[in-house]
Amino acid sequence: MAEALWDDFDADTIAVMQDGTHLLAVLWESAWRMRGGEDKPRDTSALEEEQAMGICTPQEFLPSCNVQEIAQFLSRPA
């Protein structure tokens, strides 16, 4: 399945991944600046696994998938 995805979308897939990564970085940086992230005291201790999972749930909101699993969430344009 992964090979079929790359065969169908090839360089377009890479371009979309690059664009998405860049957009996410811009959003995080913008939020950091807007809320004065550099000026706020921070707790740099690590989260416990249970705390981290509490932040990431519910898993149904945006499931994490590998290339073999993503097809069920994609559809081709008409």
C-alpha atoms as a PDB file:
ATOM      1  CA  MET A   1       0.000   0.000   0.000  1.00  0.00           C
ATOM      2  CA  ALA A   2       2.800   2.441   0.811  1.00  0.00           C
ATOM      3  CA  GLU A   3       4.333   1.873  -2.612  1.00  0.00           C
ATOM      4  CA  ALA A   4       1.007   2.573  -4.306  1.00  0.00           C
ATOM      5  CA  LEU A   5       0.645   5.824  -2.376  1.00  0.00           C
ATOM      6  CA  TRP A   6       4.111   6.972  -3.407  1.00  0.00           C
ATOM      7  CA  ASP A   7       3.528   5.812  -6.993  1.00  0.00           C
ATOM      8  CA  ASP A   8       0.294   7.820  -7.197  1.00  0.00           C
ATOM      9  CA  PHE A   9       1.403  10.993  -5.455  1.00  0.00           C
ATOM     10  CA  ASP A  10       5.239  10.938  -5.480  1.00  0.00           C
ATOM     11  CA  ALA A  11       6.673  14.473  -5.378  1.00  0.00           C
ATOM     12  CA  ASP A  12       3.283  15.989  -4.560  1.00  0.00           C
ATOM     13  CA  THR A  13       3.249  13.998  -1.319  1.00  0.00           C
ATOM     14  CA  ILE A  14       6.671  15.324  -0.379  1.00  0.00           C
ATOM     15  CA  ALA A  15       5.647  18.897  -1.197  1.00  0.00           C
ATOM     16  CA  VAL A  16       2.477  18.652   0.904  1.00  0.00           C
ATOM     17  CA  MET A  17       4.442  17.180   3.818  1.00  0.00           C
ATOM     18  CA  GLN A  18       6.963  20.018   3.578  1.00  0.00           C
ATOM     19  CA  ASP A  19       4.207  22.630   3.439  1.00  0.00           C
ATOM     20  CA  GLY A  20       2.414  21.082   6.396  1.00  0.00           C
ATOM     21  CA  THR A  21       5.575  20.938   8.465  1.00  0.00           C
ATOM     22  CA  HIS A  22       6.374  24.559   7.691  1.00  0.00           C
ATOM     23  CA  LEU A  23       2.838  25.693   8.508  1.00  0.00           C
ATOM     24  CA  LEU A  24       2.878  23.862  11.817  1.00  0.00           C
ATOM     25  CA  ALA A  25       6.195  25.482  12.745  1.00  0.00           C
ATOM     26  CA  VAL A  26       4.849  28.942  11.849  1.00  0.00           C
ATOM     27  CA  LEU A  27       1.704  28.372  13.920  1.00  0.00           C
ATOM     28  CA  TRP A  28       3.694  27.250  16.972  1.00  0.00           C
ATOM     29  CA  GLU A  29       6.121  30.140  16.661  1.00  0.00           C
ATOM     30  CA  SER A  30       3.287  32.649  16.234  1.00  0.00           C
ATOM     31  CA  ALA A  31       1.445  31.332  19.283  1.00  0.00           C
ATOM     32  CA  TRP A  32       4.681  31.397  21.297  1.00  0.00           C
ATOM     33  CA  ARG A  33       5.308  35.022  20.390  1.00  0.00           C
ATOM     34  CA  MET A  34       1.700  36.184  20.821  1.00  0.00           C
ATOM     35  CA  ARG A  35       1.548  34.766  24.326  1.00  0.00           C
ATOM     36  CA  GLY A  36       4.998  36.058  25.326  1.00  0.00           C
ATOM     37  CA  GLY A  37       6.552  32.629  25.616  1.00  0.00           C
ATOM     38  CA  GLU A  38      10.081  33.944  26.081  1.00  0.00           C
ATOM     39  CA  ASP A  39       9.015  36.123  29.002  1.00  0.00           C
ATOM     40  CA  LYS A  40       7.160  33.471  31.009  1.00  0.00           C
ATOM     41  CA  PRO A  41       8.685  31.175  33.598  1.00  0.00           C
ATOM     42  CA  ARG A  42       8.702  27.591  32.359  1.00  0.00           C
ATOM     43  CA  ASP A  43       8.749  24.223  33.999  1.00  0.00           C
ATOM     44  CA  THR A  44      11.239  22.177  31.998  1.00  0.00           C
ATOM     45  CA  SER A  45      10.645  18.932  33.871  1.00  0.00           C
ATOM     46  CA  ALA A  46       9.431  16.032  31.774  1.00  0.00           C
ATOM     47  CA  LEU A  47       5.798  15.000  31.749  1.00  0.00           C
ATOM     48  CA  GLU A  48       4.906  11.620  33.094  1.00  0.00           C
ATOM     49  CA  GLU A  49       3.492   9.287  30.448  1.00  0.00           C
ATOM     50  CA  GLU A  50      -0.018   9.499  31.914  1.00  0.00           C
ATOM     51  CA  GLN A  51       0.096  13.312  31.845  1.00  0.00           C
ATOM     52  CA  ALA A  52       1.269  13.341  28.232  1.00  0.00           C
ATOM     53  CA  MET A  53      -1.415  10.898  27.153  1.00  0.00           C
ATOM     54  CA  GLY A  54      -4.042  13.032  28.884  1.00  0.00           C
ATOM     55  CA  ILE A  55      -3.037  15.909  26.636  1.00  0.00           C
ATOM     56  CA  CYS A  56      -3.206  13.800  23.474  1.00  0.00           C
ATOM     57  CA  THR A  57      -6.607  12.208  24.048  1.00  0.00           C
ATOM     58  CA  PRO A  58      -9.151  11.552  22.735  1.00  0.00           C
ATOM     59  CA  GLN A  59      -7.292   9.531  20.130  1.00  0.00           C
ATOM     60  CA  GLU A  60     -10.296   9.563  17.775  1.00  0.00           C
ATOM     61  CA  PHE A  61      -9.866  13.309  17.265  1.00  0.00           C
ATOM     62  CA  LEU A  62      -6.846  12.993  15.004  1.00  0.00           C
ATOM     63  CA  PRO A  63      -5.528   9.450  14.802  1.00  0.00           C
ATOM     64  CA  SER A  64      -1.875   8.899  14.091  1.00  0.00           C
ATOM     65  CA  CYS A  65      -1.309   6.617  11.099  1.00  0.00           C
ATOM     66  CA  ASN A  66       1.548   5.215   9.137  1.00  0.00           C
ATOM     67  CA  VAL A  67       1.498   5.144   5.350  1.00  0.00           C
ATOM     68  CA  GLN A  68      -0.083   1.684   5.277  1.00  0.00           C
ATOM     69  CA  GLU A  69      -2.994   2.822   7.491  1.00  0.00           C
ATOM     70  CA  ILE A  70      -3.712   6.278   6.086  1.00  0.00           C
ATOM     71  CA  ALA A  71      -5.652   5.110   3.007  1.00  0.00           C
ATOM     72  CA  GLN A  72      -8.821   4.546   5.052  1.00  0.00           C
ATOM     73  CA  PHE A  73      -8.891   8.288   5.829  1.00  0.00           C
ATOM     74  CA  LEU A  74      -8.151   9.523   2.301  1.00  0.00           C
ATOM     75  CA  SER A  75     -10.406   9.890  -0.706  1.00  0.00           C
ATOM     76  CA  ARG A  76      -9.645  10.831  -4.268  1.00  0.00           C
ATOM     77  CA  PRO A  77     -11.123  14.026  -5.700  1.00  0.00           C
ATOM     78  CA  ALA A  78     -14.012  13.449  -8.112  1.00  0.00           C
END
